[in-house]
Amino acid sequence: MSEDLVNLLADLKEEEVLAQVKKRLDAGDDPYKILDETSKGMAIVGKRFAGGEYFLPELVYSGEVLKQVNALLKPKLGAGKAASKKIGKVVIGTVAGDIHDIGLNIVDFMLDVNGFDVTNLGVDVPKEKFVEAVKQTKAPVLGLSGFLTPAFDAMKETVEALEKAGLRKNLKIMIGGGQMDDEVRKYAKADAYGKDAMAAVSLSKKWFGVN
């Protein structure tokens, strides 16, 4: 193996990434291990974008590669079994003013394969749309994603809008993304901060009472 998957993905080598994933799956490699490496590679892409080494076209391209990798992994992660009996509803989205969807899509994928009914609102989502989605789906869990510092205020405003709409009391809210941490969680008045997609799954399972 000339280059590991993390670096291949970080360098946006689409053909090599897909070839390695297929080869490893055919050899019986653990799909969760491959998924973990994929997440690390995408984290490097995010850092390169934040540092000015990558620009929006590279970010979009990396997301397309990720979708192809996820399509290969999904059948190996028990998605069919999960789809037959959903644990519960979760709404997720990237807050207003932020167009980053790499982390959001990984969270969407991981929640889905772990048995959750996910409503993904996409990027640059206004607070009103989050309020409407929670009302319509009656989902008890909401995930707010953001990458840059302006997302701090957008998250806080979204939580406040949910409070004003009378939806906050029975709603668990988690935040995640590039610049997020527990201090931002306190500022936004959310319930939890998740450092990665598996944390989002763990929090959701805990809130739904699933081991």
Protein backbone atom coordinates (compact mmCIF):
# COMPACT_ATOMS: atom_id res chain seq x y z
CA MET A 1 0.00 0.00 0.00
CA SER A 2 1.91 3.05 -1.26
CA GLU A 3 -0.19 5.67 0.55
CA ASP A 4 -2.70 5.25 3.31
CA LEU A 5 -6.34 6.15 2.83
CA VAL A 6 -6.17 9.23 5.07
CA ASN A 7 -3.54 10.89 2.87
CA LEU A 8 -5.11 9.77 -0.40
CA LEU A 9 -8.39 11.35 0.57
CA ALA A 10 -6.73 14.48 1.94
CA ASP A 11 -4.91 14.84 -1.40
CA LEU A 12 -8.22 14.33 -3.28
CA LYS A 13 -6.98 11.31 -5.25
CA GLU A 14 -10.42 10.01 -6.15
CA GLU A 15 -9.52 6.94 -8.20
CA GLU A 16 -6.92 5.71 -5.70
CA VAL A 17 -9.31 6.27 -2.78
CA LEU A 18 -12.14 4.28 -4.35
CA ALA A 19 -9.80 1.52 -5.52
CA GLN A 20 -8.35 1.10 -2.03
CA VAL A 21 -11.76 1.10 -0.33
CA LYS A 22 -13.05 -1.57 -2.74
CA LYS A 23 -9.92 -3.69 -2.31
CA ARG A 24 -10.06 -3.53 1.48
CA LEU A 25 -13.75 -4.32 1.64
CA ASP A 26 -13.24 -7.31 -0.69
CA ALA A 27 -10.46 -8.49 1.62
CA GLY A 28 -12.83 -8.34 4.61
CA ASP A 29 -11.39 -5.25 6.28
CA ASP A 30 -13.49 -3.65 9.02
CA PRO A 31 -15.74 -1.01 7.35
CA TYR A 32 -15.80 1.03 10.57
CA LYS A 33 -12.00 1.26 10.47
CA ILE A 34 -12.21 2.49 6.87
CA LEU A 35 -14.89 4.99 7.89
CA ASP A 36 -12.67 6.29 10.69
CA GLU A 37 -9.79 6.81 8.26
CA THR A 38 -12.18 8.56 5.89
CA SER A 39 -13.23 10.96 8.65
CA LYS A 40 -9.57 11.74 9.42
CA GLY A 41 -8.87 12.42 5.77
CA MET A 42 -11.85 14.77 5.52
CA ALA A 43 -10.70 16.56 8.68
CA ILE A 44 -7.40 17.33 6.92
CA VAL A 45 -9.36 18.65 3.93
CA GLY A 46 -11.26 20.95 6.30
CA LYS A 47 -8.02 22.22 7.84
CA ARG A 48 -6.50 22.88 4.43
CA PHE A 49 -9.59 24.84 3.45
CA ALA A 50 -9.50 26.85 6.68
CA GLY A 51 -5.80 27.55 6.11
CA GLY A 52 -6.29 28.79 2.55
CA GLU A 53 -4.58 25.81 0.91
CA TYR A 54 -7.87 24.50 -0.52
CA PHE A 55 -10.75 26.56 -1.86
CA LEU A 56 -14.46 25.97 -2.41
CA PRO A 57 -14.04 23.78 -5.57
CA GLU A 58 -11.73 21.41 -3.64
CA LEU A 59 -14.17 21.33 -0.74
CA VAL A 60 -17.08 20.45 -3.03
CA TYR A 61 -14.98 17.83 -4.84
CA SER A 62 -13.97 16.18 -1.56
CA GLY A 63 -17.65 15.94 -0.65
CA GLU A 64 -18.38 14.13 -3.93
CA VAL A 65 -15.57 11.65 -3.26
CA LEU A 66 -16.94 11.11 0.25
CA LYS A 67 -20.40 10.30 -1.13
CA GLN A 68 -18.89 7.59 -3.35
CA VAL A 69 -16.95 6.11 -0.42
CA ASN A 70 -20.10 6.11 1.72
CA ALA A 71 -22.02 4.34 -1.03
CA LEU A 72 -19.42 1.55 -0.96
CA LEU A 73 -19.41 1.31 2.85
CA LYS A 74 -23.13 1.51 3.53
CA PRO A 75 -24.04 -2.09 2.56
CA LYS A 76 -21.27 -3.33 4.88
CA LEU A 77 -22.45 -1.30 7.88
CA GLY A 78 -25.79 -2.98 8.42
CA ALA A 79 -27.81 -0.23 6.78
CA GLY A 80 -30.47 -2.64 5.56
CA LYS A 81 -31.09 -3.91 9.06
CA ALA A 82 -31.15 -0.40 10.48
CA ALA A 83 -33.63 0.76 7.87
CA SER A 84 -36.16 -1.89 8.85
CA LYS A 85 -36.65 -0.47 12.33
CA LYS A 86 -35.80 3.14 13.02
CA ILE A 87 -34.82 4.18 16.54
CA GLY A 88 -36.24 7.68 16.20
CA LYS A 89 -36.14 10.99 14.37
CA VAL A 90 -33.21 13.40 14.30
CA VAL A 91 -33.07 16.73 12.47
CA ILE A 92 -29.65 18.06 11.42
CA GLY A 93 -28.36 21.02 9.44
CA THR A 94 -25.56 23.57 9.05
CA VAL A 95 -26.60 26.91 10.55
CA ALA A 96 -27.23 30.16 8.67
CA GLY A 97 -24.20 31.79 7.07
CA ASP A 98 -22.20 28.55 6.86
CA ILE A 99 -21.97 26.41 3.72
CA HIS A 100 -19.80 23.55 5.04
CA ASP A 101 -21.40 20.15 4.62
CA ILE A 102 -18.55 17.63 4.90
CA GLY A 103 -19.00 16.99 8.61
CA LEU A 104 -22.77 17.28 8.26
CA ASN A 105 -22.87 14.55 5.62
CA ILE A 106 -20.68 12.23 7.68
CA VAL A 107 -23.03 12.70 10.66
CA ASP A 108 -26.04 12.09 8.40
CA PHE A 109 -24.47 8.88 7.10
CA MET A 110 -23.49 7.56 10.53
CA LEU A 111 -26.88 8.30 12.10
CA ASP A 112 -28.59 6.61 9.16
CA VAL A 113 -26.55 3.40 9.29
CA ASN A 114 -27.07 3.27 13.06
CA GLY A 115 -30.83 3.22 12.68
CA PHE A 116 -32.02 6.83 12.94
CA ASP A 117 -34.58 8.54 10.71
CA VAL A 118 -32.59 11.61 9.66
CA THR A 119 -33.94 14.85 8.22
CA ASN A 120 -30.93 16.68 6.75
CA LEU A 121 -31.79 20.33 6.06
CA GLY A 122 -28.47 20.99 4.31
CA VAL A 123 -26.35 24.13 4.65
CA ASP A 124 -26.97 27.81 5.40
CA VAL A 125 -30.20 26.94 7.18
CA PRO A 126 -32.12 29.89 8.69
CA LYS A 127 -33.40 29.52 12.25
CA GLU A 128 -37.00 29.57 11.01
CA LYS A 129 -36.38 26.47 8.90
CA PHE A 130 -35.01 24.58 11.92
CA VAL A 131 -38.10 25.59 13.92
CA GLU A 132 -40.42 24.43 11.14
CA ALA A 133 -38.59 21.11 10.71
CA VAL A 134 -38.73 20.31 14.43
CA LYS A 135 -42.45 21.16 14.43
CA GLN A 136 -43.20 19.01 11.40
CA THR A 137 -41.10 15.96 12.27
CA LYS A 138 -41.66 16.14 16.05
CA ALA A 139 -38.03 14.99 16.32
CA PRO A 140 -36.74 15.06 19.92
CA VAL A 141 -33.11 15.50 18.82
CA LEU A 142 -31.56 18.32 16.78
CA GLY A 143 -27.99 18.56 15.51
CA LEU A 144 -26.53 21.97 14.60
CA SER A 145 -23.38 21.98 12.48
CA GLY A 146 -20.98 24.84 11.85
CA PHE A 147 -17.37 25.25 10.80
CA LEU A 148 -16.47 28.92 11.19
CA THR A 149 -16.75 31.30 14.15
CA PRO A 150 -19.80 33.22 12.79
CA ALA A 151 -21.74 29.99 13.36
CA PHE A 152 -21.52 30.60 17.12
CA ASP A 153 -24.15 33.36 16.98
CA ALA A 154 -26.26 31.52 14.41
CA MET A 155 -26.41 28.51 16.75
CA LYS A 156 -27.40 30.69 19.69
CA GLU A 157 -30.09 32.44 17.65
CA THR A 158 -31.46 29.10 16.45
CA VAL A 159 -31.74 27.78 20.01
CA GLU A 160 -33.44 31.02 21.08
CA ALA A 161 -35.90 30.75 18.18
CA LEU A 162 -36.78 27.21 19.30
CA GLU A 163 -37.33 28.52 22.83
CA LYS A 164 -39.66 31.26 21.58
CA ALA A 165 -41.59 28.70 19.54
CA GLY A 166 -42.12 26.63 22.68
CA LEU A 167 -40.15 23.68 21.30
CA ARG A 168 -37.07 23.73 23.50
CA LYS A 169 -38.33 21.95 26.62
CA ASN A 170 -38.53 18.45 25.15
CA LEU A 171 -35.77 18.91 22.57
CA LYS A 172 -32.16 17.77 22.94
CA ILE A 173 -29.70 19.86 20.92
CA MET A 174 -26.15 18.88 20.01
CA ILE A 175 -23.59 20.98 18.16
CA GLY A 176 -20.49 20.05 16.20
CA GLY A 177 -18.05 21.26 13.56
CA GLY A 178 -14.60 22.75 12.99
CA GLN A 179 -14.40 25.54 15.57
CA MET A 180 -16.98 24.14 17.99
CA ASP A 181 -16.25 23.06 21.55
CA ASP A 182 -17.95 22.90 24.93
CA GLU A 183 -17.57 26.66 25.49
CA VAL A 184 -19.55 27.30 22.30
CA ARG A 185 -22.09 24.75 23.52
CA LYS A 186 -22.57 26.82 26.69
CA TYR A 187 -22.78 30.05 24.70
CA ALA A 188 -25.42 28.63 22.37
CA LYS A 189 -27.29 26.99 25.26
CA ALA A 190 -27.22 23.59 23.58
CA ASP A 191 -27.27 20.30 25.51
CA ALA A 192 -24.08 18.69 24.21
CA TYR A 193 -21.03 19.10 22.00
CA GLY A 194 -19.96 16.19 19.81
CA LYS A 195 -16.40 16.14 18.49
CA ASP A 196 -17.18 13.77 15.60
CA ALA A 197 -19.87 11.71 13.89
CA MET A 198 -19.61 8.81 16.32
CA ALA A 199 -20.17 11.25 19.19
CA ALA A 200 -23.37 12.37 17.47
CA VAL A 201 -24.48 8.74 17.27
CA SER A 202 -23.60 8.09 20.93
CA LEU A 203 -25.46 11.20 22.11
CA SER A 204 -28.52 10.33 20.05
CA LYS A 205 -28.57 6.76 21.35
CA LYS A 206 -28.26 8.03 24.92
CA TRP A 207 -31.13 10.47 24.47
CA PHE A 208 -33.31 7.77 22.92
CA GLY A 209 -32.41 5.36 25.69
CA VAL A 210 -30.63 2.92 23.38
CA ASN A 211 -27.47 1.07 24.48
